Protein backbone atom coordinates (compact mmCIF):
# COMPACT_ATOMS: atom_id res chain seq x y z
CA UNK A 1 22.66 -4.21 6.76
CA UNK A 2 19.05 -2.97 6.80
CA UNK A 3 16.02 -4.85 5.56
CA UNK A 4 15.86 -3.10 2.20
CA UNK A 5 19.58 -3.21 1.66
CA UNK A 6 19.29 -7.00 2.04
CA UNK A 7 16.34 -7.11 -0.35
CA UNK A 8 17.92 -4.96 -3.02
CA UNK A 9 21.24 -6.78 -2.94
CA UNK A 10 19.78 -10.28 -2.94
CA UNK A 11 20.48 -12.49 -5.92
CA UNK A 12 17.61 -14.30 -7.61
CA UNK A 13 18.07 -17.33 -5.38
CA UNK A 14 17.93 -15.23 -2.23
CA UNK A 15 15.03 -12.91 -3.04
CA UNK A 16 12.41 -15.20 -1.55
CA UNK A 17 14.37 -15.55 1.67
CA UNK A 18 14.84 -11.78 1.80
CA UNK A 19 11.10 -11.23 1.31
CA UNK A 20 10.39 -13.68 4.12
CA UNK A 21 12.28 -11.36 6.48
CA UNK A 22 9.53 -8.74 5.98
CA UNK A 23 6.93 -10.94 7.71
CA UNK A 24 8.30 -10.82 11.29
CA UNK A 25 8.94 -7.09 10.99
CA UNK A 26 5.31 -6.49 10.05
CA UNK A 27 4.16 -8.97 12.68
CA UNK A 28 6.05 -7.08 15.38
CA UNK A 29 3.66 -4.14 14.87
CA UNK A 30 0.49 -6.25 14.81
CA UNK A 31 -0.31 -6.31 18.56
CA UNK A 32 -0.01 -2.52 18.72
CA UNK A 33 -2.34 -2.08 15.72
CA UNK A 34 -4.89 -4.51 17.15
CA UNK A 35 -5.13 -2.45 20.37
CA UNK A 36 -5.87 0.79 18.53
CA UNK A 37 -9.36 2.08 17.80
CA UNK A 38 -10.42 2.87 14.24
CA UNK A 39 -9.84 6.57 14.95
CA UNK A 40 -6.37 5.83 16.33
CA UNK A 41 -5.50 3.82 13.21
CA UNK A 42 -6.54 6.76 11.03
CA UNK A 43 -4.50 9.15 13.20
CA UNK A 44 -1.53 6.80 12.93
CA UNK A 45 -1.88 6.89 9.15
CA UNK A 46 -1.64 10.69 9.31
CA UNK A 47 1.44 10.32 11.54
CA UNK A 48 3.15 8.08 8.95
CA UNK A 49 2.51 10.78 6.35
CA UNK A 50 4.02 13.43 8.66
CA UNK A 51 7.10 11.26 9.11
CA UNK A 52 7.53 11.15 5.34
CA UNK A 53 7.14 14.92 5.18
CA UNK A 54 10.09 15.22 7.59
CA UNK A 55 12.19 12.48 5.99
CA UNK A 56 15.93 12.94 5.62
CA UNK A 57 18.09 15.61 4.06
CA UNK A 58 16.97 15.30 0.47
CA UNK A 59 18.35 16.34 -2.83
CA UNK A 60 14.70 17.03 -3.56
CA UNK A 61 11.60 16.78 -1.39
CA UNK A 62 10.19 14.07 -3.65
CA UNK A 63 13.30 11.90 -3.33
CA UNK A 64 13.22 12.20 0.46
CA UNK A 65 9.59 11.13 0.66
CA UNK A 66 10.11 8.18 -1.66
CA UNK A 67 13.29 7.12 0.15
CA UNK A 68 11.42 7.25 3.46
CA UNK A 69 8.82 4.75 2.25
CA UNK A 70 11.12 1.78 2.76
CA UNK A 71 11.58 2.68 6.42
CA UNK A 72 7.81 2.90 6.91
CA UNK A 73 6.97 -0.40 5.18
CA UNK A 74 6.64 -2.74 8.19
CA UNK A 75 4.47 -0.32 10.15
CA UNK A 76 2.39 0.71 7.12
CA UNK A 77 1.78 -2.91 6.11
CA UNK A 78 0.71 -3.77 9.69
CA UNK A 79 -1.67 -0.79 9.62
CA UNK A 80 -3.22 -1.91 6.32
CA UNK A 81 -3.41 -5.52 7.52
CA UNK A 82 -5.39 -4.53 10.61
CA UNK A 83 -7.62 -2.09 8.71
CA UNK A 84 -8.44 -4.72 6.07
CA UNK A 85 -9.30 -7.18 8.82
CA UNK A 86 -11.74 -4.68 10.32
CA UNK A 87 -13.27 -3.22 7.15
CA UNK A 88 -13.27 -6.22 4.81
CA UNK A 89 -13.07 -9.11 7.24
CA UNK A 90 -9.88 -10.21 5.45
CA UNK A 91 -6.42 -10.46 7.02
CA UNK A 92 -3.38 -10.56 4.75
CA UNK A 93 -1.57 -13.89 4.93
CA UNK A 94 2.20 -13.82 5.40
CA UNK A 95 2.79 -14.77 1.76
CA UNK A 96 0.61 -11.80 0.76
CA UNK A 97 2.83 -9.49 2.83
CA UNK A 98 5.79 -10.85 0.87
CA UNK A 99 3.96 -10.22 -2.41
CA UNK A 100 3.20 -6.64 -1.32
CA UNK A 101 6.88 -6.04 -0.51
CA UNK A 102 7.89 -7.47 -3.89
CA UNK A 103 5.48 -5.10 -5.67
CA UNK A 104 6.75 -2.14 -3.64
CA UNK A 105 10.27 -2.98 -4.80
CA UNK A 106 9.10 -3.08 -8.42
CA UNK A 107 9.46 -6.84 -8.73
CA UNK A 108 6.95 -9.13 -10.42
CA UNK A 109 4.80 -11.08 -8.01
CA UNK A 110 2.97 -13.95 -9.71
CA UNK A 111 -0.24 -15.17 -8.10
CA UNK A 112 -2.94 -17.52 -9.35
CA UNK A 113 -6.65 -16.75 -9.48
CA UNK A 114 -8.09 -16.67 -5.98
CA UNK A 115 -4.83 -16.07 -4.15
CA UNK A 116 -5.69 -12.48 -3.25
CA UNK A 117 -3.97 -10.18 -5.74
CA UNK A 118 -6.52 -7.42 -5.10
CA UNK A 119 -5.91 -7.55 -1.35
CA UNK A 120 -2.12 -7.78 -1.79
CA UNK A 121 -2.14 -4.59 -3.86
CA UNK A 122 -3.54 -2.60 -0.93
CA UNK A 123 -0.19 -2.88 0.85
CA UNK A 124 2.15 -1.17 -1.65
CA UNK A 125 -0.64 1.10 -2.93
CA UNK A 126 -1.26 2.49 0.55
CA UNK A 127 2.45 2.81 1.32
CA UNK A 128 3.23 4.65 -1.90
CA UNK A 129 0.14 6.87 -1.63
CA UNK A 130 1.51 8.17 1.68
CA UNK A 131 4.19 10.04 -0.27
CA UNK A 132 1.44 12.26 -1.66
CA UNK A 133 2.04 11.81 -5.40
CA UNK A 134 -0.90 9.58 -6.24
CA UNK A 135 -0.92 5.90 -7.12
CA UNK A 136 -2.64 4.45 -10.18
CA UNK A 137 -3.88 0.87 -10.09
CA UNK A 138 -4.40 -0.39 -13.63
CA UNK A 139 -6.65 -3.39 -14.15
CA UNK A 140 -7.43 -5.40 -17.26
CA UNK A 141 -11.00 -4.15 -17.70
CA UNK A 142 -13.52 -1.57 -16.51
CA UNK A 143 -15.51 -4.09 -14.49
CA UNK A 144 -12.46 -4.97 -12.35
CA UNK A 145 -11.50 -1.32 -11.98
CA UNK A 146 -14.95 -0.47 -10.64
CA UNK A 147 -15.19 -3.58 -8.45
CA UNK A 148 -11.72 -3.19 -6.96
CA UNK A 149 -12.11 0.54 -6.36
CA UNK A 150 -15.40 0.07 -4.54
CA UNK A 151 -14.18 -2.94 -2.57
CA UNK A 152 -10.70 -1.76 -1.54
CA UNK A 153 -11.66 1.89 -1.03
CA UNK A 154 -13.03 0.77 2.35
CA UNK A 155 -9.45 0.20 3.48
CA UNK A 156 -8.00 3.37 1.95
CA UNK A 157 -10.79 5.67 3.14
CA UNK A 158 -10.62 4.23 6.63
CA UNK A 159 -6.96 5.28 6.65
CA UNK A 160 -7.70 8.80 5.40
CA UNK A 161 -6.95 8.43 1.69
CA UNK A 162 -9.29 9.39 -1.14
CA UNK A 163 -10.01 7.07 -4.06
CA UNK A 164 -10.92 7.82 -7.66
CA UNK A 165 -11.94 5.70 -10.61
CA UNK A 166 -11.38 6.41 -14.31
CA UNK A 167 -13.63 4.41 -16.60
CA UNK A 168 -15.30 5.27 -19.92
CA UNK A 169 -18.74 5.71 -18.31
CA UNK A 170 -17.45 8.78 -16.46
CA UNK A 171 -18.14 11.52 -19.00
CA UNK A 172 -17.97 14.51 -16.68
CA UNK A 173 -14.60 16.20 -17.23
CA UNK A 174 -14.47 17.58 -13.68
CA UNK A 175 -15.18 14.17 -12.17
CA UNK A 176 -12.48 12.61 -14.32
CA UNK A 177 -9.97 15.27 -13.24
CA UNK A 178 -10.86 14.69 -9.59
CA UNK A 179 -10.37 10.95 -10.05
CA UNK A 180 -6.92 11.50 -11.53
CA UNK A 181 -6.00 13.79 -8.60
CA UNK A 182 -7.05 11.21 -5.98
CA UNK A 183 -4.41 9.63 -3.80
CA UNK A 184 -5.43 6.23 -5.18
CA UNK A 185 -6.85 6.02 -8.71
CA UNK A 186 -8.24 2.84 -10.26
CA UNK A 187 -8.60 2.53 -14.01
């Protein structure tokens, strides 16, 4: 049974244990990511996107890309972890990898103030943005949207993604449209 089959079929009491199994899979890719240059990491990001473009024998292209995300999770998370270490000086802790996997699966991941929710979000946001349909990160206020977009865009841009922000101060219709079309949009 594959990693995501285990995760999706886990009962409430086993979800944490199933999420813990993500950590060594991500960790297995870490030495490879550490050896790569910044340009090689960006090229690897493009390769992950190409893999999704070629994913499976779909009922629809969209379904194939989204189904392929689960297979790319360990490698994509390792890529984001290394890029965040280089660009932000912050390395995702193992528990943050588990939180990112939970979010990717659509589960609720509760974290207290200061435990790194903003950093955790980079993992599933990046992974899902690879599918090419855009990811929206909704925050509780405009200040956080602006702060998080500026701060975390260092990771996304380093990996070849574009970032937009939708806040009331942006009055230009064209700029707002461009922000909504970005691969990662904060608002």
